[in-house]
Amino acid sequence: MNLDASAAPIFEVDSPDQLLLHAPVVVALSNAFKLFAQTGQELKNFNVRIAERKQENGEEENGEDENGAHTIGIAFSAKLPPGQKGIGNASKLGRSVLYIASRTSGEILREQGSR
């Protein structure tokens, strides 16, 4: 299967109990996890969300860059302790971080919120 990386979905749901992750997404997850591990935070205190990043106004950007064209966002979102409400990454369990990765190579282009 030879799909244009900018047009292909980053994952496919084959059935309710099966998810197909394309190779660059797996590489991006691996790279993001390695960087996250360096923060010293416990993974059990986080939810991980993967999303395709698109330009806000709906127009297609040319090329792959750290501003979000043809990229994947991998967010490690800190959970809130039971019964606590919060805004953003305000949690005693950790600090949220977002990694922006190439959807063609899986390379981490930049990160936000880690420091």
Protein backbone atom coordinates (compact mmCIF):
# COMPACT_ATOMS: atom_id res chain seq x y z
CA MET A 1 0.00 0.00 0.00
CA ASN A 2 1.67 3.22 -1.15
CA LEU A 3 -0.21 6.16 0.35
CA ASP A 4 0.80 9.80 0.25
CA ALA A 5 1.68 10.51 3.89
CA SER A 6 -0.03 13.89 3.81
CA ALA A 7 -3.33 12.37 2.62
CA ALA A 8 -3.36 9.07 4.52
CA PRO A 9 -4.93 8.90 7.98
CA ILE A 10 -2.48 8.51 10.88
CA PHE A 11 -4.39 5.43 12.07
CA GLU A 12 -7.33 3.28 11.06
CA VAL A 13 -9.93 1.52 13.21
CA ASP A 14 -10.29 -1.97 11.73
CA SER A 15 -12.90 -3.06 14.28
CA PRO A 16 -13.98 -2.05 17.80
CA ASP A 17 -11.09 -4.03 19.27
CA GLN A 18 -8.40 -3.36 16.65
CA LEU A 19 -6.45 -0.21 15.75
CA LEU A 20 -3.93 0.03 12.90
CA LEU A 21 -1.10 2.50 13.54
CA HIS A 22 1.02 3.40 10.54
CA ALA A 23 4.80 3.07 10.97
CA PRO A 24 5.59 6.83 11.32
CA VAL A 25 3.03 7.06 14.15
CA VAL A 26 4.68 4.17 15.99
CA VAL A 27 8.11 5.80 15.54
CA ALA A 28 6.70 9.13 16.76
CA LEU A 29 5.17 7.45 19.83
CA SER A 30 8.45 5.75 20.62
CA ASN A 31 10.39 8.99 20.24
CA ALA A 32 7.86 10.93 22.34
CA PHE A 33 7.91 8.30 25.09
CA LYS A 34 11.72 8.40 25.26
CA LEU A 35 11.62 12.19 25.67
CA PHE A 36 8.80 11.97 28.19
CA ALA A 37 10.74 9.40 30.24
CA GLN A 38 13.55 11.96 30.57
CA THR A 39 11.19 14.28 32.49
CA GLY A 40 11.22 11.79 35.39
CA GLN A 41 7.43 11.82 35.66
CA GLU A 42 5.41 8.63 36.17
CA LEU A 43 3.51 7.54 33.06
CA LYS A 44 0.68 6.12 35.21
CA ASN A 45 -0.25 9.72 36.11
CA PHE A 46 -0.88 10.67 32.48
CA ASN A 47 -3.27 10.06 29.61
CA VAL A 48 -1.73 9.92 26.13
CA ARG A 49 -3.59 11.44 23.19
CA ILE A 50 -2.50 11.21 19.55
CA ALA A 51 -3.97 13.62 16.99
CA GLU A 52 -3.34 14.74 13.46
CA ARG A 53 -2.46 18.43 13.47
CA LYS A 54 -4.17 20.52 10.79
CA GLN A 55 -3.98 24.16 9.87
CA GLU A 56 -6.68 26.19 11.62
CA ASN A 57 -8.20 27.94 8.58
CA GLY A 58 -8.65 24.72 6.60
CA GLU A 59 -6.14 25.62 3.90
CA GLU A 60 -3.37 23.14 3.18
CA GLU A 61 0.17 24.26 3.98
CA ASN A 62 3.09 23.34 1.76
CA GLY A 63 5.69 21.04 3.26
CA GLU A 64 6.15 19.53 6.68
CA ASP A 65 7.19 21.90 9.41
CA GLU A 66 7.00 22.50 13.13
CA ASN A 67 4.06 24.89 12.72
CA GLY A 68 1.75 21.94 12.22
CA ALA A 69 1.57 21.09 8.52
CA HIS A 70 1.58 17.34 8.11
CA THR A 71 2.36 16.69 11.77
CA ILE A 72 1.16 14.54 14.63
CA GLY A 73 0.56 15.81 18.14
CA ILE A 74 1.33 13.43 20.99
CA ALA A 75 0.10 14.84 24.29
CA PHE A 76 0.93 13.44 27.70
CA SER A 77 -1.86 15.02 29.79
CA ALA A 78 -1.51 14.93 33.54
CA LYS A 79 -4.47 13.34 35.30
CA LEU A 80 -6.16 15.18 38.11
CA PRO A 81 -6.30 13.53 41.53
CA PRO A 82 -9.76 12.08 42.31
CA GLY A 83 -12.22 14.83 43.20
CA GLN A 84 -9.95 17.68 42.03
CA LYS A 85 -10.91 20.06 39.25
CA GLY A 86 -8.32 22.02 37.32
CA ILE A 87 -7.53 24.03 34.25
CA GLY A 88 -4.81 23.26 31.71
CA ASN A 89 -1.94 21.27 33.10
CA ALA A 90 -2.57 22.29 36.73
CA SER A 91 -2.19 18.91 38.42
CA LYS A 92 -0.23 17.73 41.43
CA LEU A 93 0.37 14.45 39.57
CA GLY A 94 2.60 16.01 36.92
CA ARG A 95 3.10 18.54 34.17
CA SER A 96 1.52 17.99 30.76
CA VAL A 97 3.67 17.99 27.64
CA LEU A 98 2.91 18.01 23.90
CA TYR A 99 5.31 16.63 21.31
CA ILE A 100 4.95 17.66 17.66
CA ALA A 101 6.19 14.94 15.30
CA SER A 102 6.60 14.49 11.56
CA ARG A 103 3.85 12.30 10.13
CA THR A 104 6.23 10.99 7.46
CA SER A 105 9.29 10.11 9.56
CA GLY A 106 8.12 10.15 13.20
CA GLU A 107 10.90 12.59 14.12
CA ILE A 108 10.04 14.91 17.04
CA LEU A 109 10.09 18.46 15.66
CA ARG A 110 9.45 20.32 18.91
CA GLU A 111 7.80 20.09 22.31
CA GLN A 112 5.58 22.38 24.37
CA GLY A 113 4.86 22.63 28.06
CA SER A 114 7.68 20.47 29.36
CA ARG A 115 9.53 23.19 31.25
